Amino acid sequence: MVFTVFPGDTNHYHTLFGGTAMAWMDQAAFICATRWARRKVVTVHTSEISFKHAVPEGSIVELVAVVVATGRSSMTVRVEMFVEPMDREDRLLATAGEYVMVALDSLGQPAAVARLAQPVASGT
C-alpha cells in the first residue's frame, strides 16, 4: 500500500500521527491476511510497534506486509512502513510491527488457514 502524507495526517510537528501510522499498518495486515486466508479476518493482537524515524508531511509512505507465521486459524503478519521524500531517491524504514489476524467462518468462529511452509525470520 502506498500513501502520501498530507497535512490532515500530521500533528503540530508536521509529522505523521502515530495513530494514523498504526491504522495504515493494520489495513496492510488485514489485506495481507485476507489474501492468505481468502475469508473474513480480524485483528486480535499487535506486537510492539517500533517508531524508528519520523515521517514528515509531504512524504511517500509504502507499507509492506507479509505472513511470517501461521497457527490453526491465525496468521502473524509483519508490517514495515518505509518513508521516502518526494524530491529524491531515498528510502528509510520508519515503523515496523506485527499483527496477529484470525480467520473467521460464516458464523464468526475461528476457521482453519493454510499453513506457512516455514516461518519467516522476524525483526528488522
C-alpha atoms as a PDB file:
ATOM      1  CA  MET A   1       0.000   0.000   0.000  1.00  0.00           C
ATOM      2  CA  VAL A   2       1.234   3.489  -0.761  1.00  0.00           C
ATOM      3  CA  PHE A   3       0.089   6.770   0.780  1.00  0.00           C
ATOM      4  CA  THR A   4       1.074  10.397   0.579  1.00  0.00           C
ATOM      5  CA  VAL A   5       1.342  12.121   3.962  1.00  0.00           C
ATOM      6  CA  PHE A   6      -0.978  15.115   3.711  1.00  0.00           C
ATOM      7  CA  PRO A   7      -1.397  17.893   6.318  1.00  0.00           C
ATOM      8  CA  GLY A   8      -4.553  16.253   7.707  1.00  0.00           C
ATOM      9  CA  ASP A   9      -2.485  13.148   8.561  1.00  0.00           C
ATOM     10  CA  THR A  10       0.031  15.058  10.671  1.00  0.00           C
ATOM     11  CA  ASN A  11       0.462  16.511  14.132  1.00  0.00           C
ATOM     12  CA  HIS A  12       1.648  20.013  15.079  1.00  0.00           C
ATOM     13  CA  TYR A  13       5.235  18.945  14.291  1.00  0.00           C
ATOM     14  CA  HIS A  14       4.175  18.247  10.684  1.00  0.00           C
ATOM     15  CA  THR A  15       4.948  14.543  11.045  1.00  0.00           C
ATOM     16  CA  LEU A  16       2.591  11.602  10.623  1.00  0.00           C
ATOM     17  CA  PHE A  17       0.358  10.883  13.624  1.00  0.00           C
ATOM     18  CA  GLY A  18       1.384   7.609  15.288  1.00  0.00           C
ATOM     19  CA  GLY A  19      -2.244   6.514  15.346  1.00  0.00           C
ATOM     20  CA  THR A  20      -2.568   7.076  11.612  1.00  0.00           C
ATOM     21  CA  ALA A  21       0.585   5.027  11.024  1.00  0.00           C
ATOM     22  CA  MET A  22      -0.851   2.219  13.160  1.00  0.00           C
ATOM     23  CA  ALA A  23      -4.196   2.337  11.306  1.00  0.00           C
ATOM     24  CA  TRP A  24      -2.446   2.149   7.931  1.00  0.00           C
ATOM     25  CA  MET A  25      -0.356  -0.763   9.203  1.00  0.00           C
ATOM     26  CA  ASP A  26      -3.485  -2.560  10.420  1.00  0.00           C
ATOM     27  CA  GLN A  27      -5.062  -2.096   6.973  1.00  0.00           C
ATOM     28  CA  ALA A  28      -1.968  -3.577   5.318  1.00  0.00           C
ATOM     29  CA  ALA A  29      -2.039  -6.535   7.735  1.00  0.00           C
ATOM     30  CA  PHE A  30      -5.754  -7.020   7.037  1.00  0.00           C
ATOM     31  CA  ILE A  31      -5.244  -7.097   3.267  1.00  0.00           C
ATOM     32  CA  CYS A  32      -2.275  -9.471   3.558  1.00  0.00           C
ATOM     33  CA  ALA A  33      -4.148 -11.870   5.878  1.00  0.00           C
ATOM     34  CA  THR A  34      -7.305 -11.717   3.755  1.00  0.00           C
ATOM     35  CA  ARG A  35      -5.311 -12.630   0.667  1.00  0.00           C
ATOM     36  CA  TRP A  36      -3.736 -15.535   2.577  1.00  0.00           C
ATOM     37  CA  ALA A  37      -6.964 -16.897   4.082  1.00  0.00           C
ATOM     38  CA  ARG A  38      -9.481 -15.753   1.433  1.00  0.00           C
ATOM     39  CA  ARG A  39     -12.090 -15.253   4.143  1.00  0.00           C
ATOM     40  CA  LYS A  40     -13.081 -12.743   6.810  1.00  0.00           C
ATOM     41  CA  VAL A  41     -10.209 -11.859   9.153  1.00  0.00           C
ATOM     42  CA  VAL A  42      -9.964  -9.776  12.300  1.00  0.00           C
ATOM     43  CA  THR A  43      -7.088  -8.290  14.261  1.00  0.00           C
ATOM     44  CA  VAL A  44      -6.643  -9.982  17.637  1.00  0.00           C
ATOM     45  CA  HIS A  45      -3.218  -8.748  18.728  1.00  0.00           C
ATOM     46  CA  THR A  46      -0.455  -6.345  17.858  1.00  0.00           C
ATOM     47  CA  SER A  47       3.129  -6.658  18.977  1.00  0.00           C
ATOM     48  CA  GLU A  48       5.377  -3.815  19.947  1.00  0.00           C
ATOM     49  CA  ILE A  49       5.350  -1.242  17.175  1.00  0.00           C
ATOM     50  CA  SER A  50       8.707   0.440  16.709  1.00  0.00           C
ATOM     51  CA  PHE A  51       8.754   4.025  15.503  1.00  0.00           C
ATOM     52  CA  LYS A  52      12.282   4.367  14.123  1.00  0.00           C
ATOM     53  CA  HIS A  53      12.023   7.590  12.091  1.00  0.00           C
ATOM     54  CA  ALA A  54       9.570  10.459  11.932  1.00  0.00           C
ATOM     55  CA  VAL A  55       7.508  10.590   8.749  1.00  0.00           C
ATOM     56  CA  PRO A  56       7.375  14.185   7.501  1.00  0.00           C
ATOM     57  CA  GLU A  57       4.399  15.793   5.820  1.00  0.00           C
ATOM     58  CA  GLY A  58       4.708  15.527   2.048  1.00  0.00           C
ATOM     59  CA  SER A  59       6.465  12.159   2.124  1.00  0.00           C
ATOM     60  CA  ILE A  60       5.546   8.995   0.288  1.00  0.00           C
ATOM     61  CA  VAL A  61       4.857   6.056   2.595  1.00  0.00           C
ATOM     62  CA  GLU A  62       4.968   2.431   1.475  1.00  0.00           C
ATOM     63  CA  LEU A  63       3.654  -0.378   3.650  1.00  0.00           C
ATOM     64  CA  VAL A  64       4.907  -3.907   3.043  1.00  0.00           C
ATOM     65  CA  ALA A  65       3.097  -6.765   4.768  1.00  0.00           C
ATOM     66  CA  VAL A  66       3.991 -10.462   4.789  1.00  0.00           C
ATOM     67  CA  VAL A  67       2.673 -13.511   6.642  1.00  0.00           C
ATOM     68  CA  VAL A  68       5.570 -14.691   8.810  1.00  0.00           C
ATOM     69  CA  ALA A  69       3.821 -17.460  10.784  1.00  0.00           C
ATOM     70  CA  THR A  70       0.532 -19.329  10.900  1.00  0.00           C
ATOM     71  CA  GLY A  71      -1.416 -21.223  13.514  1.00  0.00           C
ATOM     72  CA  ARG A  72      -4.605 -23.211  13.112  1.00  0.00           C
ATOM     73  CA  SER A  73      -6.712 -20.111  12.418  1.00  0.00           C
ATOM     74  CA  SER A  74      -4.221 -17.310  12.996  1.00  0.00           C
ATOM     75  CA  MET A  75      -1.681 -15.514  10.853  1.00  0.00           C
ATOM     76  CA  THR A  76       1.140 -13.343  12.154  1.00  0.00           C
ATOM     77  CA  VAL A  77       1.711 -10.534   9.686  1.00  0.00           C
ATOM     78  CA  ARG A  78       4.850  -8.395   9.799  1.00  0.00           C
ATOM     79  CA  VAL A  79       4.256  -4.872   8.540  1.00  0.00           C
ATOM     80  CA  GLU A  80       7.045  -2.461   7.676  1.00  0.00           C
ATOM     81  CA  MET A  81       6.437   1.174   6.823  1.00  0.00           C
ATOM     82  CA  PHE A  82       9.022   2.839   4.624  1.00  0.00           C
ATOM     83  CA  VAL A  83       9.243   6.576   4.079  1.00  0.00           C
ATOM     84  CA  GLU A  84      10.714   8.311   1.083  1.00  0.00           C
ATOM     85  CA  PRO A  85      10.934  12.002   0.264  1.00  0.00           C
ATOM     86  CA  MET A  86       9.234  13.102  -2.941  1.00  0.00           C
ATOM     87  CA  ASP A  87      12.221  15.105  -4.155  1.00  0.00           C
ATOM     88  CA  ARG A  88      14.988  12.477  -4.084  1.00  0.00           C
ATOM     89  CA  GLU A  89      15.640   8.753  -4.125  1.00  0.00           C
ATOM     90  CA  ASP A  90      15.914   7.714  -0.506  1.00  0.00           C
ATOM     91  CA  ARG A  91      14.029   5.103   1.499  1.00  0.00           C
ATOM     92  CA  LEU A  92      14.101   4.510   5.247  1.00  0.00           C
ATOM     93  CA  LEU A  93      12.336   2.018   7.476  1.00  0.00           C
ATOM     94  CA  ALA A  94      10.189   4.306   9.611  1.00  0.00           C
ATOM     95  CA  THR A  95       7.942   1.912  11.531  1.00  0.00           C
ATOM     96  CA  ALA A  96       7.586  -1.849  11.985  1.00  0.00           C
ATOM     97  CA  GLY A  97       5.364  -4.212  13.921  1.00  0.00           C
ATOM     98  CA  GLU A  98       3.479  -7.479  13.857  1.00  0.00           C
ATOM     99  CA  TYR A  99      -0.251  -8.086  13.809  1.00  0.00           C
ATOM    100  CA  VAL A 100      -1.975 -11.362  14.650  1.00  0.00           C
ATOM    101  CA  MET A 101      -5.034 -11.861  12.494  1.00  0.00           C
ATOM    102  CA  VAL A 102      -7.603 -14.659  12.888  1.00  0.00           C
ATOM    103  CA  ALA A 103      -9.702 -16.068  10.054  1.00  0.00           C
ATOM    104  CA  LEU A 104     -13.425 -16.484  10.723  1.00  0.00           C
ATOM    105  CA  ASP A 105     -16.086 -18.674   9.156  1.00  0.00           C
ATOM    106  CA  SER A 106     -19.602 -17.553   8.222  1.00  0.00           C
ATOM    107  CA  LEU A 107     -20.716 -17.968  11.859  1.00  0.00           C
ATOM    108  CA  GLY A 108     -17.895 -15.798  13.196  1.00  0.00           C
ATOM    109  CA  GLN A 109     -15.959 -18.757  14.569  1.00  0.00           C
ATOM    110  CA  PRO A 110     -12.206 -19.292  14.023  1.00  0.00           C
ATOM    111  CA  ALA A 111     -11.553 -21.049  10.719  1.00  0.00           C
ATOM    112  CA  ALA A 112      -8.507 -23.010   9.606  1.00  0.00           C
ATOM    113  CA  VAL A 113      -5.939 -21.297   7.391  1.00  0.00           C
ATOM    114  CA  ALA A 114      -3.286 -22.703   5.100  1.00  0.00           C
ATOM    115  CA  ARG A 115      -0.007 -23.431   6.855  1.00  0.00           C
ATOM    116  CA  LEU A 116       3.112 -21.455   6.100  1.00  0.00           C
ATOM    117  CA  ALA A 117       5.707 -23.984   4.986  1.00  0.00           C
ATOM    118  CA  GLN A 118       8.471 -22.411   7.068  1.00  0.00           C
ATOM    119  CA  PRO A 119       8.171 -19.429   9.437  1.00  0.00           C
ATOM    120  CA  VAL A 120       9.822 -16.283   8.136  1.00  0.00           C
ATOM    121  CA  ALA A 121      12.514 -14.684  10.317  1.00  0.00           C
ATOM    122  CA  SER A 122      11.003 -11.722  12.095  1.00  0.00           C
ATOM    123  CA  GLY A 123      12.542  -8.422  13.060  1.00  0.00           C
ATOM    124  CA  THR A 124      14.491  -5.680  11.404  1.00  0.00           C
END
